Protein backbone atom coordinates (compact mmCIF):
# COMPACT_ATOMS: atom_id res chain seq x y z
CA MET A 1 27.77 26.79 60.37
CA GLU A 2 31.21 26.16 61.87
CA LYS A 3 32.29 28.44 64.70
CA PRO A 4 34.04 31.49 63.22
CA ILE A 5 37.67 32.21 64.11
CA ALA A 6 39.63 35.46 63.87
CA ALA A 7 43.03 35.46 62.15
CA ILE A 8 45.37 38.45 62.45
CA GLU A 9 48.58 39.39 60.68
CA LEU A 10 50.59 42.38 61.90
CA GLY A 11 52.28 43.93 58.88
CA SER A 12 54.91 46.65 58.89
CA LYS A 13 52.26 49.38 58.70
CA LYS A 14 48.85 47.81 59.17
CA LEU A 15 46.81 45.11 60.86
CA LYS A 16 45.04 42.58 58.65
CA LEU A 17 42.06 40.64 59.98
CA VAL A 18 39.99 37.82 58.53
CA VAL A 19 37.05 36.31 60.40
CA GLY A 20 35.89 33.04 58.93
CA TYR A 21 35.89 29.27 59.20
CA GLU A 22 37.11 26.14 57.44
CA LEU A 23 34.73 23.56 55.99
CA ASP A 24 35.75 20.59 53.86
CA GLY A 25 39.17 22.06 53.15
CA GLN A 26 37.91 25.48 52.06
CA VAL A 27 37.83 28.87 53.80
CA TYR A 28 34.56 30.74 54.12
CA VAL A 29 34.94 34.42 54.93
CA ILE A 30 32.57 36.32 57.20
CA TYR A 31 34.46 39.58 57.54
CA THR A 32 37.75 41.26 56.60
CA LEU A 33 39.42 44.41 57.85
CA VAL A 34 42.62 46.34 57.24
CA LYS A 35 43.54 48.90 59.90
CA PRO A 36 46.68 51.06 59.46
CA TYR A 37 48.87 52.04 62.40
CA GLY A 38 51.80 53.59 60.53
CA GLN A 39 55.35 52.29 60.23
CA CYS A 40 55.66 50.40 63.54
CA ILE A 41 57.41 47.11 62.69
CA ASP A 42 60.67 46.58 60.83
CA ALA A 43 61.72 42.97 60.20
CA GLY A 44 59.95 41.80 63.36
CA VAL A 45 61.23 44.62 65.58
CA PHE A 46 58.56 46.88 67.10
CA SER A 47 59.19 50.62 67.18
CA ASP A 48 55.83 51.57 68.75
CA GLU A 49 54.22 48.65 70.58
CA SER A 50 51.59 50.83 72.27
CA LYS A 51 50.20 52.04 68.94
CA ILE A 52 49.84 48.48 67.66
CA SER A 53 48.25 47.32 70.92
CA ALA A 54 45.79 50.22 70.73
CA THR A 55 44.89 49.19 67.18
CA ILE A 56 44.30 45.62 68.35
CA ALA A 57 42.16 46.85 71.23
CA SER A 58 40.06 48.90 68.81
CA ILE A 59 38.92 45.80 66.91
CA ARG A 60 38.05 43.62 69.92
CA GLU A 61 34.42 44.70 69.74
CA PHE A 62 32.98 46.42 66.71
CA THR A 63 29.81 46.65 64.71
CA ASP A 64 29.52 46.93 60.96
CA PRO A 65 25.98 48.14 60.19
CA LEU A 66 26.53 47.67 56.46
CA ALA A 67 27.40 43.99 56.91
CA LYS A 68 24.87 43.65 59.76
CA LEU A 69 27.54 42.22 62.03
CA ARG A 70 28.56 42.65 65.63
CA ILE A 71 31.85 40.90 66.31
CA ASN A 72 33.54 40.27 69.66
CA ILE A 73 37.10 38.97 69.58
CA SER A 74 38.96 37.63 72.61
CA ASP A 75 41.35 35.15 71.00
CA VAL A 76 42.93 34.93 67.56
CA LEU A 77 45.21 32.99 65.29
CA LEU A 78 48.36 35.09 65.04
CA CYS A 79 50.59 35.07 61.98
CA LEU A 80 54.32 35.16 62.72
CA PRO A 81 56.96 36.23 60.18
CA PRO A 82 59.56 33.56 59.30
CA TYR A 83 62.57 35.61 60.38
CA ASN A 84 65.34 33.16 61.38
CA LEU A 85 62.90 30.28 61.06
CA GLY A 86 64.30 26.90 62.10
CA ILE A 87 62.86 23.67 60.69
CA TYR A 88 63.87 20.32 62.16
CA GLN A 89 62.83 16.78 61.36
CA THR A 90 61.59 14.58 64.20
CA ARG A 91 60.22 11.05 64.59
CA GLN A 92 58.40 9.97 67.75
CA VAL A 93 56.75 6.71 68.79
CA THR A 94 54.12 6.13 71.47
CA THR A 95 52.23 3.09 72.72
CA VAL A 96 48.48 3.23 72.09
CA VAL A 97 46.78 3.57 75.47
CA THR A 98 43.19 2.45 74.89
CA GLU A 99 42.15 -1.07 75.88
CA ASP A 100 40.90 -1.88 72.38
CA SER A 101 44.17 -0.53 70.83
CA LYS A 102 42.36 2.00 68.66
CA ILE A 103 43.89 5.41 68.03
CA SER A 104 42.18 8.04 70.18
CA PRO A 105 42.64 11.78 70.78
CA LEU A 106 44.68 10.86 73.86
CA ASP A 107 47.25 9.10 71.69
CA ILE A 108 47.58 12.18 69.51
CA LYS A 109 47.97 14.30 72.63
CA ASN A 110 50.69 11.96 73.90
CA ILE A 111 52.66 12.04 70.65
CA TYR A 112 52.55 15.84 70.63
CA ALA A 113 53.77 15.87 74.23
CA LEU A 114 56.72 13.70 73.17
CA ILE A 115 57.54 16.11 70.37
CA ARG A 116 57.23 19.06 72.74
CA ASN A 117 59.53 17.46 75.27
CA SER A 118 61.99 15.85 72.86
CA ALA A 119 65.63 16.73 73.31
CA TYR A 120 66.38 18.95 70.33
CA PRO A 121 68.32 22.12 71.27
CA LEU A 122 65.99 25.11 71.54
CA ASN A 123 68.37 27.51 73.30
CA GLU A 124 66.91 30.98 72.58
CA LYS A 125 64.30 29.53 70.22
CA ALA A 126 60.59 29.00 70.82
CA LEU A 127 58.59 26.02 69.54
CA VAL A 128 56.00 27.51 67.19
CA ASP A 129 54.41 24.65 65.28
CA VAL A 130 54.64 20.99 64.35
CA VAL A 131 53.61 19.83 60.88
CA PRO A 132 53.01 16.06 60.74
CA GLU A 133 54.13 14.40 57.51
CA SER A 134 52.98 10.86 58.21
CA PHE A 135 51.34 8.67 60.85
CA THR A 136 52.51 5.04 60.82
CA LEU A 137 50.68 2.12 62.48
CA ASP A 138 51.41 -1.59 62.84
CA HIS A 139 52.21 -3.54 59.67
CA GLY A 140 53.59 -0.42 57.98
CA ARG A 141 50.24 1.28 57.45
CA ILE A 142 50.86 4.96 56.67
CA PHE A 143 48.35 7.80 56.90
CA ALA A 144 48.66 11.47 55.94
CA ARG A 145 46.20 12.57 58.65
CA ALA A 146 45.71 11.36 62.23
CA PRO A 147 44.24 7.82 61.85
CA MET A 148 41.52 8.15 64.47
CA GLY A 149 39.79 4.85 65.30
CA GLU A 150 42.35 2.67 63.49
CA SER A 151 43.69 -0.37 65.39
CA SER A 152 47.38 -0.48 66.30
CA SER A 153 49.62 -1.15 69.29
CA THR A 154 51.90 1.80 68.46
CA LEU A 155 51.67 5.18 66.76
CA THR A 156 54.69 6.68 64.98
CA VAL A 157 54.72 10.26 63.74
CA SER A 158 57.23 11.89 61.39
CA ALA A 159 56.98 15.66 61.49
CA LYS A 160 58.71 18.96 60.85
CA VAL A 161 59.23 21.11 63.92
CA GLN A 162 59.22 24.88 63.41
CA THR A 163 61.01 27.28 65.74
CA LEU A 164 61.53 31.04 65.85
CA PRO A 165 63.63 33.30 68.08
CA LYS A 166 61.98 33.43 71.50
CA ALA A 167 62.37 37.21 71.66
CA LEU A 168 60.41 37.62 68.42
CA VAL A 169 57.60 35.31 69.54
CA ASP A 170 57.38 37.01 72.94
CA SER A 171 57.19 40.49 71.40
CA TYR A 172 54.32 39.53 69.08
CA GLN A 173 52.50 37.76 71.88
CA ASN A 174 52.92 40.67 74.29
CA VAL A 175 51.67 43.30 71.86
CA LEU A 176 48.58 41.15 71.37
CA LEU A 177 48.04 40.69 75.11
CA ASN A 178 48.44 44.42 75.72
CA GLY A 179 45.63 44.92 73.23
CA GLY A 180 43.38 42.68 75.34
CA VAL A 181 43.47 39.69 73.00
CA VAL A 182 44.91 36.20 73.57
CA SER A 183 46.74 34.18 70.94
CA ARG A 184 44.89 30.93 70.32
CA ARG A 185 47.90 29.69 68.35
CA PHE A 186 50.75 30.85 66.15
CA VAL A 187 51.11 30.05 62.46
CA VAL A 188 54.25 30.93 60.51
CA ALA A 189 53.37 33.03 57.44
CA PRO A 190 54.76 30.75 54.69
CA LEU A 191 53.05 27.69 56.21
CA ALA A 192 49.75 29.56 56.09
CA ALA A 193 50.39 30.51 52.47
CA VAL A 194 51.25 26.92 51.52
CA GLU A 195 47.98 25.67 52.98
CA LEU A 196 45.94 28.22 51.03
CA ILE A 197 47.77 27.50 47.77
CA SER A 198 47.24 23.76 48.31
CA SER A 199 43.48 24.34 48.59
CA TYR A 200 43.33 25.70 45.03
CA ASP A 201 43.20 23.59 41.87
CA ASN A 202 46.08 23.30 39.39
CA MET A 203 48.78 24.59 41.73
CA PRO A 204 52.35 23.20 41.68
CA HIS A 205 53.47 21.04 44.61
CA SER A 206 57.07 22.30 44.57
CA TYR A 207 57.88 25.98 44.07
CA ILE A 208 59.62 29.14 45.24
CA LEU A 209 57.20 31.25 47.29
CA VAL A 210 57.78 35.02 47.29
CA ASP A 211 55.68 37.10 49.69
CA ILE A 212 56.04 40.81 48.86
CA GLY A 213 55.10 43.11 51.72
CA SER A 214 55.32 46.87 52.06
CA ASN A 215 58.90 46.84 53.41
CA ILE A 216 60.01 43.20 53.64
CA THR A 217 59.99 40.35 51.12
CA THR A 218 60.21 36.73 52.27
CA VAL A 219 61.37 33.88 50.02
CA SER A 220 60.50 30.29 50.94
CA PHE A 221 61.29 26.91 49.41
CA ILE A 222 58.37 24.50 49.13
CA GLY A 223 59.02 20.87 48.19
CA ASN A 224 56.13 18.49 47.54
CA GLY A 225 53.77 20.71 49.54
CA ALA A 226 56.09 21.02 52.56
CA LEU A 227 57.90 24.12 53.82
CA TYR A 228 61.66 23.47 53.91
CA GLY A 229 63.10 26.88 54.62
CA SER A 230 62.63 30.62 54.44
CA THR A 231 64.69 33.78 54.24
CA TYR A 232 63.98 37.48 53.79
CA PHE A 233 65.40 40.79 52.64
CA SER A 234 64.58 44.46 53.19
CA TRP A 235 62.63 45.48 50.10
CA GLY A 236 58.93 46.00 49.63
CA SER A 237 56.38 47.75 47.46
CA ASP A 238 56.79 50.96 49.49
CA HIS A 239 60.27 51.34 48.01
CA ILE A 240 58.63 51.98 44.64
CA THR A 241 56.20 54.46 46.20
CA GLU A 242 59.06 56.34 47.87
CA ARG A 243 60.94 56.70 44.55
CA ILE A 244 57.81 58.03 42.82
CA ILE A 245 57.35 60.60 45.61
CA GLU A 246 60.98 61.63 45.26
CA LYS A 247 61.06 61.87 41.45
CA PHE A 248 57.61 63.37 40.86
CA ASN A 249 57.49 65.55 43.99
CA ILE A 250 53.98 64.37 44.89
CA ASN A 251 52.36 63.11 48.09
CA GLU A 252 52.27 59.49 49.21
CA ALA A 253 48.58 58.94 48.40
CA ASP A 254 49.04 60.09 44.79
CA ALA A 255 52.25 58.10 44.36
CA GLU A 256 50.53 54.94 45.59
CA LYS A 257 47.56 55.63 43.31
CA TYR A 258 49.69 56.01 40.17
CA LYS A 259 51.79 52.96 41.06
CA MET A 260 48.74 50.72 41.36
CA MET A 261 46.82 52.34 38.48
CA TYR A 262 49.59 51.95 35.90
CA GLY A 263 52.28 49.59 37.19
CA ILE A 264 54.61 48.67 34.33
CA ASP A 265 52.60 49.89 31.36
CA ASN A 266 54.33 49.08 28.06
CA ARG A 267 51.44 50.03 25.81
CA VAL A 268 52.45 52.03 22.74
CA MET A 269 50.36 55.21 22.51
CA ASN A 270 49.91 57.46 19.48
CA PHE A 271 49.89 60.47 21.75
CA LYS A 272 51.42 61.25 25.14
CA VAL A 273 49.08 62.04 28.00
CA PRO A 274 50.66 63.15 31.28
CA ILE A 275 50.10 61.02 34.37
CA CYS A 276 50.20 64.11 36.55
CA SER A 277 51.23 67.75 36.62
CA VAL A 278 52.97 69.45 39.54
CA ASP A 279 54.21 72.91 40.38
CA ASP A 280 58.01 73.10 40.52
CA GLY A 281 57.85 75.71 43.28
CA ALA A 282 58.61 78.57 40.93
CA GLY A 283 55.17 78.71 39.35
CA ARG A 284 56.06 76.45 36.42
CA GLU A 285 54.00 73.37 35.63
CA ILE A 286 55.95 70.12 35.30
CA LYS A 287 54.27 67.22 33.53
CA HIS A 288 55.20 63.60 34.20
CA PHE A 289 54.54 60.85 31.69
CA ASN A 290 54.10 57.09 31.64
CA ASN A 291 57.63 56.40 30.39
CA GLU A 292 59.01 58.19 33.45
CA LEU A 293 56.87 56.08 35.78
CA ASN A 294 57.98 52.90 33.99
CA ALA A 295 61.63 53.87 34.43
CA ILE A 296 61.18 54.52 38.16
CA ILE A 297 59.37 51.23 38.76
CA LYS A 298 61.84 49.20 36.67
CA SER A 299 64.85 50.69 38.47
CA GLU A 300 63.42 49.59 41.82
CA LEU A 301 62.41 46.18 40.46
CA ASP A 302 65.98 45.60 39.28
CA ILE A 303 67.07 45.91 42.92
CA PHE A 304 64.24 43.55 43.84
CA VAL A 305 65.33 40.98 41.22
CA LYS A 306 68.92 41.00 42.47
CA ASN A 307 67.73 40.38 46.03
CA ILE A 308 65.34 37.61 44.94
CA ASN A 309 68.02 35.72 43.03
CA GLN A 310 70.41 35.93 45.98
CA ALA A 311 67.69 34.76 48.38
CA VAL A 312 66.71 31.84 46.14
CA ASP A 313 70.34 30.75 45.88
CA SER A 314 70.83 30.90 49.65
CA ILE A 315 67.77 28.83 50.45
CA VAL A 316 67.72 26.35 47.55
CA LEU A 317 71.43 25.55 47.41
CA GLN A 318 71.08 23.94 50.84
CA HIS A 319 69.25 21.19 48.96
CA ASP A 320 69.92 21.02 45.19
CA LYS A 321 70.76 23.83 42.77
CA SER A 322 68.37 22.36 40.17
CA TYR A 323 65.51 23.49 42.42
CA ARG A 324 66.20 27.08 41.32
CA SER A 325 64.11 26.37 38.23
CA PHE A 326 61.00 25.54 40.27
CA PRO A 327 57.99 27.77 39.50
CA MET A 328 57.95 31.08 41.35
CA LEU A 329 54.66 32.02 43.01
CA LEU A 330 54.20 35.65 44.06
CA ILE A 331 51.79 36.57 46.86
CA GLY A 332 51.06 39.51 49.15
CA GLY A 333 49.96 43.08 48.63
CA GLY A 334 53.14 43.95 46.73
CA ALA A 335 52.41 41.26 44.14
CA GLU A 336 49.40 43.27 42.91
CA LEU A 337 51.64 45.51 40.76
CA ASN A 338 50.53 45.42 37.12
CA GLY A 339 53.11 43.87 34.78
CA LEU A 340 55.14 42.27 37.58
CA GLU A 341 54.99 38.70 36.23
CA ALA A 342 56.13 39.65 32.74
CA TYR A 343 58.97 41.80 34.05
CA LEU A 344 60.35 39.17 36.44
CA ALA A 345 59.99 36.08 34.22
CA PRO A 346 63.13 36.60 32.06
CA LYS A 347 65.20 37.83 35.01
CA VAL A 348 64.87 34.84 37.37
CA LEU A 349 65.79 31.16 36.93
CA SER A 350 62.29 29.84 37.62
CA GLU A 351 60.58 28.09 34.72
CA SER A 352 57.53 30.29 35.29
CA VAL A 353 56.41 33.26 37.38
CA GLN A 354 52.82 33.58 38.55
CA VAL A 355 50.96 35.94 40.86
CA ILE A 356 48.56 33.96 43.07
CA ARG A 357 45.60 35.93 44.39
CA PRO A 358 43.08 34.68 46.95
CA LYS A 359 40.06 33.08 45.32
CA ASN A 360 37.92 33.14 48.45
CA LEU A 361 34.74 35.19 48.19
CA GLY A 362 34.99 38.23 50.45
CA ALA A 363 38.81 38.30 50.64
CA ARG A 364 40.23 38.38 47.14
CA ASN A 365 42.94 40.94 47.83
CA GLY A 366 46.47 39.59 48.20
CA THR A 367 46.93 41.33 51.54
CA PHE A 368 44.67 38.68 53.19
CA PHE A 369 46.60 35.68 51.83
CA ASN A 370 48.24 34.57 55.07
CA CYS A 371 45.18 35.19 57.23
CA LEU A 372 43.12 32.92 54.99
CA GLY A 373 45.79 30.25 55.10
CA MET A 374 45.92 30.34 58.90
CA LEU A 375 42.30 29.22 59.07
CA LEU A 376 43.18 26.16 56.99
CA ALA A 377 46.35 25.37 58.95
CA ASN A 378 44.47 25.64 62.23
CA ALA A 379 41.85 23.15 61.05
CA LYS A 380 44.44 20.73 59.66
CA TYR A 381 47.14 20.65 62.35
CA LEU A 382 46.81 20.36 66.11
CA ASN A 383 48.43 23.14 68.11
CA VAL A 384 51.56 21.67 69.69
CA ASN A 385 51.54 24.39 72.37
CA ASP A 386 47.96 23.62 73.45
CA GLU A 387 48.35 20.85 75.99
CA SER A 388 44.61 20.37 76.29
CA HIS A 389 44.03 20.19 72.51
CA THR A 390 40.43 21.16 73.13
CA LYS A 391 38.49 22.97 70.43
CA ALA A 392 37.19 26.05 72.20
CA GLY A 393 36.78 29.62 71.11
CA ASN A 394 35.43 32.88 72.38
CA LEU A 395 34.57 34.65 69.15
CA THR A 396 30.90 35.34 68.67
CA ARG A 397 28.93 36.50 65.68
CA ASN A 398 25.59 38.16 66.31
CA PRO A 399 23.25 40.00 63.97
CA GLY A 400 23.76 43.74 64.21
CA LYS A 401 20.88 45.76 65.53
């Protein structure tokens, strides 16, 4: 079995962990975990770093008797949100260094060093990742993956360089370090999602990717399997929960339960059964019905639709307005709402709307989407910030006692 790797995403209110490995382009899951820490992150800004670090520290070593696992984590793949993501095209050429002129790991290391040191303006940005698009050798031979062992006097790489605000990267890295865990590498969330989607059959190559979180939604433009840009807005599935709490006067747990149990339920019933009954504070029982829940959810989704259409326009019109009709793929925990596809389809310009759920055994909840994709991205692309480019890890899996 391949050596397992831990992948972590820090959401607005909870940590998401997947432990697994990549083999032949597929992710195999060993363990998953969701651990809440409360509302501690808002659009990449930490309000309580110590609470998140304590949550990270709590998962460094743990035993799951039910799964017969003891897991020790010292380094992880860390998912970064695409807030103010910069994507730049680069093309670098290096001379092959081996005596027999065959492409070796050293040549790949050299080309990544050139990319790392190339003179594009970073300013207050941090280099996060490099996604190679093609490797070109003598006589115009082009490869999609690193052409190890092929003969050539030169190696040319065309790639997309991804940057994020340095302050954002530093804050995520520091909260991890303060939890006693090192970041093996960073992966931007939409890149991770693209890699997971690409691993499934019958998926489009060009689309609008919408990742619905609890408080933030990100919208990304994918063209021919490549990430071209990303934006975000402040709306998430918790906005629906908050409106249900407000209108029904119930607690958060019940509001979340009814939201996920019913969603948008347009079934025609011969009789009306209340969803819940509450005391109005004066000893009178107030009953709430499905049509009320539908109205609450739809009113929030109308705000969501307006934001989505604005986000799609802002990101797609940088390229070609016809791209607005690309299929829309919905991912993330917020995409699990029943009836979401049917409600959005006539309200957006995309030719189709589809919720994509993880198909990987052991992690089929949408909340793990980006963590699964990170495992694929890590196996596919070298880490531009790892100057050694060695494959080493400190995560162990032992049978539980």
